[in-house]
Amino acid sequence: MYDEPEAVNELMFKISEAFSLFVKKQREITNDEFGTSNGLQGVWSPNGGVWLSDDDLVSIGSELYEKFILPHYSRIFTEFGGGHLHYCGDGSHQLNNILSIKGLTAINNSPMSNFDSFHKLQIGTGNKYVIEIQDAAPEFPELYYNDLFDGIKNFNGIMVVTFVEDELAMDMEGRTVFVKRDPYVTANEIVKSVRKAVSKQINK
């Protein structure tokens, strides 16, 4: 990116073009309506024709992201009538870039116990987008969602789309730990914990 910026831009253009052609071919087969998408891991939200998974977002500097990534994402999301952007962890240094992506309609984030960065994302985007919280099911749901939602007042557009597994969970440090639990019981515990945490913030 520093030594051969033109080559990187050419590469990104080719990758973006290949991605667009592939999705268009998928659409011919699935016959999905323009502007709609099944979303990352089947998580659907309105007004998003495609989704991109970008976990490198957290590790690249904001200036390089603005120069080499942002224009191509804007092109793709605009072409498909909106789009969802996924990343795991702390992407708070990219907030201005995220706000500048044309056609972005939803942010799919796995905070992974990065509570401060999630607060910055939620407050900084000002409910402009749907925010899908797609963490692995926490080991201690009540503690996790209490900390995740602490200080948040406006929950419009927030979707909790936790994925529950019977032998894996996320601890309070965002790490994967082995557990043995009933996924249906766990899912209901998460619903209860989320409702309790949201109610606590709204009624403060």
Protein backbone atom coordinates (compact mmCIF):
# COMPACT_ATOMS: atom_id res chain seq x y z
CA MET A 1 0.00 0.00 0.00
CA TYR A 2 2.91 2.34 0.65
CA ASP A 3 5.24 1.26 -2.17
CA GLU A 4 2.79 0.18 -4.90
CA PRO A 5 -0.52 2.02 -4.35
CA GLU A 6 -1.54 1.76 -8.01
CA ALA A 7 -1.07 -2.01 -7.97
CA VAL A 8 -3.16 -2.32 -4.80
CA ASN A 9 -5.93 -0.20 -6.27
CA GLU A 10 -5.90 -2.35 -9.41
CA LEU A 11 -6.09 -5.50 -7.29
CA MET A 12 -8.97 -4.14 -5.21
CA PHE A 13 -10.85 -3.18 -8.38
CA LYS A 14 -10.46 -6.71 -9.78
CA ILE A 15 -11.57 -8.31 -6.50
CA SER A 16 -14.60 -6.01 -6.31
CA GLU A 17 -15.49 -6.75 -9.93
CA ALA A 18 -15.22 -10.51 -9.35
CA PHE A 19 -17.36 -10.22 -6.23
CA SER A 20 -20.07 -8.29 -8.10
CA LEU A 21 -20.14 -10.77 -10.97
CA PHE A 22 -20.36 -13.69 -8.54
CA VAL A 23 -23.26 -12.16 -6.61
CA LYS A 24 -25.09 -11.36 -9.83
CA LYS A 25 -24.74 -14.98 -10.90
CA GLN A 26 -26.07 -16.08 -7.50
CA ARG A 27 -29.05 -13.77 -7.97
CA GLU A 28 -29.87 -15.43 -11.27
CA ILE A 29 -30.10 -18.75 -9.42
CA THR A 30 -31.80 -17.67 -6.19
CA ASN A 31 -34.05 -15.03 -7.77
CA ASP A 32 -33.69 -12.75 -4.73
CA GLU A 33 -35.29 -9.34 -5.07
CA PHE A 34 -33.05 -6.34 -5.66
CA GLY A 35 -32.02 -4.68 -2.41
CA THR A 36 -32.55 -7.75 -0.23
CA SER A 37 -30.06 -10.23 1.18
CA ASN A 38 -30.12 -13.25 3.45
CA GLY A 39 -27.33 -11.56 5.44
CA LEU A 40 -24.35 -12.98 7.31
CA GLN A 41 -25.23 -16.41 8.73
CA GLY A 42 -28.83 -15.89 7.69
CA VAL A 43 -29.38 -12.68 9.67
CA TRP A 44 -31.79 -10.59 7.62
CA SER A 45 -32.51 -6.91 8.02
CA PRO A 46 -34.23 -4.44 5.69
CA ASN A 47 -32.60 -2.60 2.81
CA GLY A 48 -29.43 -4.55 2.24
CA GLY A 49 -28.77 -6.21 -1.09
CA VAL A 50 -25.42 -7.75 -0.21
CA TRP A 51 -23.12 -8.33 2.76
CA LEU A 52 -19.37 -8.13 3.19
CA SER A 53 -17.33 -9.72 5.98
CA ASP A 54 -14.32 -7.54 6.81
CA ASP A 55 -12.49 -8.65 9.94
CA ASP A 56 -9.35 -6.91 8.64
CA LEU A 57 -11.11 -3.62 9.33
CA VAL A 58 -9.88 -3.76 12.93
CA SER A 59 -6.20 -4.15 12.02
CA ILE A 60 -5.70 -1.64 9.19
CA GLY A 61 -5.17 2.08 9.79
CA SER A 62 -8.02 4.46 9.00
CA GLU A 63 -6.08 6.41 6.34
CA LEU A 64 -5.23 3.29 4.36
CA TYR A 65 -8.77 2.00 4.74
CA GLU A 66 -10.17 5.26 3.41
CA LYS A 67 -7.84 5.18 0.43
CA PHE A 68 -7.95 1.55 -0.62
CA ILE A 69 -11.15 0.00 0.75
CA LEU A 70 -13.88 2.60 1.18
CA PRO A 71 -14.36 3.46 -2.53
CA HIS A 72 -14.84 -0.19 -3.50
CA TYR A 73 -17.31 -0.91 -0.71
CA SER A 74 -19.30 2.18 -1.67
CA ARG A 75 -19.40 0.94 -5.25
CA ILE A 76 -20.57 -2.57 -4.27
CA PHE A 77 -23.23 -1.45 -1.78
CA THR A 78 -24.59 1.14 -4.18
CA GLU A 79 -24.70 -1.39 -7.01
CA PHE A 80 -26.77 -3.86 -5.00
CA GLY A 81 -29.19 -1.45 -3.38
CA GLY A 82 -27.55 -1.33 0.05
CA GLY A 83 -25.36 -3.56 2.10
CA HIS A 84 -24.31 -5.00 5.45
CA LEU A 85 -20.76 -4.75 6.80
CA HIS A 86 -19.49 -7.32 9.30
CA TYR A 87 -16.45 -7.21 11.55
CA CYS A 88 -15.44 -8.72 14.88
CA GLY A 89 -13.96 -6.74 17.75
CA ASP A 90 -12.94 -3.10 18.03
CA GLY A 91 -13.35 -1.04 14.85
CA SER A 92 -13.87 2.31 16.57
CA HIS A 93 -10.90 3.89 14.77
CA GLN A 94 -12.80 3.35 11.50
CA LEU A 95 -15.96 5.16 12.60
CA ASN A 96 -15.56 8.08 10.17
CA ASN A 97 -14.88 5.66 7.32
CA ILE A 98 -17.91 3.56 8.21
CA LEU A 99 -20.07 6.67 8.17
CA SER A 100 -18.68 7.51 4.71
CA ILE A 101 -19.50 4.19 3.02
CA LYS A 102 -22.20 4.92 0.45
CA GLY A 103 -25.13 2.52 0.51
CA LEU A 104 -24.31 1.04 3.92
CA THR A 105 -27.53 0.03 5.67
CA ALA A 106 -26.50 -2.37 8.44
CA ILE A 107 -23.46 -3.07 10.60
CA ASN A 108 -23.04 -6.64 11.79
CA ASN A 109 -20.60 -6.52 14.71
CA SER A 110 -19.36 -9.15 17.13
CA PRO A 111 -18.20 -6.90 20.01
CA MET A 112 -16.45 -9.81 21.77
CA SER A 113 -16.51 -7.97 25.11
CA ASN A 114 -15.18 -4.73 23.59
CA PHE A 115 -17.86 -2.80 25.43
CA ASP A 116 -16.34 0.66 24.97
CA SER A 117 -15.93 0.19 21.22
CA PHE A 118 -19.53 -0.99 20.87
CA HIS A 119 -20.74 2.08 22.76
CA LYS A 120 -18.70 4.30 20.41
CA LEU A 121 -20.20 2.52 17.40
CA GLN A 122 -23.79 2.75 18.62
CA ILE A 123 -23.55 6.36 19.75
CA GLY A 124 -21.30 7.48 16.89
CA THR A 125 -23.57 6.15 14.15
CA GLY A 126 -26.60 7.83 15.73
CA ASN A 127 -29.08 5.08 14.79
CA LYS A 128 -28.33 5.70 11.13
CA TYR A 129 -27.96 1.97 10.51
CA VAL A 130 -29.34 -1.29 11.75
CA ILE A 131 -26.78 -2.71 14.20
CA GLU A 132 -26.73 -6.49 14.44
CA ILE A 133 -24.94 -7.81 17.53
CA GLN A 134 -23.71 -11.22 16.44
CA ASP A 135 -21.59 -12.54 19.28
CA ALA A 136 -21.29 -16.15 20.25
CA ALA A 137 -23.59 -16.87 23.18
CA PRO A 138 -21.92 -15.48 26.31
CA GLU A 139 -21.04 -17.78 29.17
CA PHE A 140 -22.81 -15.43 31.58
CA PRO A 141 -25.61 -13.72 29.58
CA GLU A 142 -26.91 -11.47 32.35
CA LEU A 143 -23.46 -10.03 33.11
CA TYR A 144 -22.52 -9.68 29.46
CA TYR A 145 -25.59 -7.82 28.21
CA ASN A 146 -25.69 -5.65 31.31
CA ASP A 147 -22.17 -4.41 30.46
CA LEU A 148 -22.77 -4.27 26.70
CA PHE A 149 -25.85 -2.04 27.02
CA ASP A 150 -24.62 0.07 29.94
CA GLY A 151 -25.20 3.74 29.12
CA ILE A 152 -27.19 3.15 25.93
CA LYS A 153 -30.55 4.91 25.82
CA ASN A 154 -31.73 4.56 22.23
CA PHE A 155 -32.21 0.96 21.17
CA ASN A 156 -33.90 1.69 17.84
CA GLY A 157 -32.35 -0.44 15.11
CA ILE A 158 -30.40 -2.75 17.44
CA MET A 159 -30.80 -6.47 16.75
CA VAL A 160 -29.39 -9.13 19.08
CA VAL A 161 -28.59 -12.06 16.81
CA THR A 162 -26.49 -14.23 19.10
CA PHE A 163 -25.61 -17.68 17.80
CA VAL A 164 -25.90 -20.43 20.40
CA GLU A 165 -23.86 -23.61 20.41
CA ASP A 166 -24.13 -26.46 22.88
CA GLU A 167 -20.39 -26.84 23.61
CA LEU A 168 -18.92 -23.38 23.01
CA ALA A 169 -19.45 -20.02 24.70
CA MET A 170 -17.77 -16.62 24.98
CA ASP A 171 -16.33 -15.55 28.33
CA MET A 172 -16.30 -11.98 29.65
CA GLU A 173 -12.96 -11.35 27.92
CA GLY A 174 -14.29 -12.30 24.49
CA ARG A 175 -12.50 -15.65 24.43
CA THR A 176 -14.00 -18.98 23.39
CA VAL A 177 -14.50 -21.46 26.22
CA PHE A 178 -15.84 -25.00 26.25
CA VAL A 179 -19.18 -25.58 27.98
CA LYS A 180 -21.89 -28.21 28.06
CA ARG A 181 -25.38 -26.74 27.98
CA ASP A 182 -28.76 -27.02 26.34
CA PRO A 183 -28.84 -24.48 23.47
CA TYR A 184 -32.61 -23.98 23.80
CA VAL A 185 -32.35 -23.19 27.50
CA THR A 186 -29.40 -20.91 26.79
CA ALA A 187 -31.30 -19.08 24.05
CA ASN A 188 -34.16 -18.36 26.43
CA GLU A 189 -31.72 -17.17 29.09
CA ILE A 190 -30.25 -14.76 26.55
CA VAL A 191 -33.68 -13.38 25.64
CA LYS A 192 -34.46 -12.87 29.32
CA SER A 193 -31.08 -11.25 30.00
CA VAL A 194 -31.34 -8.89 27.01
CA ARG A 195 -34.83 -7.75 28.02
CA LYS A 196 -33.66 -7.16 31.57
CA ALA A 197 -30.59 -5.18 30.49
CA VAL A 198 -32.54 -3.04 28.01
CA SER A 199 -35.27 -2.34 30.56
CA LYS A 200 -32.65 -1.31 33.09
CA GLN A 201 -31.16 1.29 30.72
CA ILE A 202 -34.49 2.67 29.53
CA ASN A 203 -35.80 3.08 33.07
CA LYS A 204 -32.69 4.74 34.54
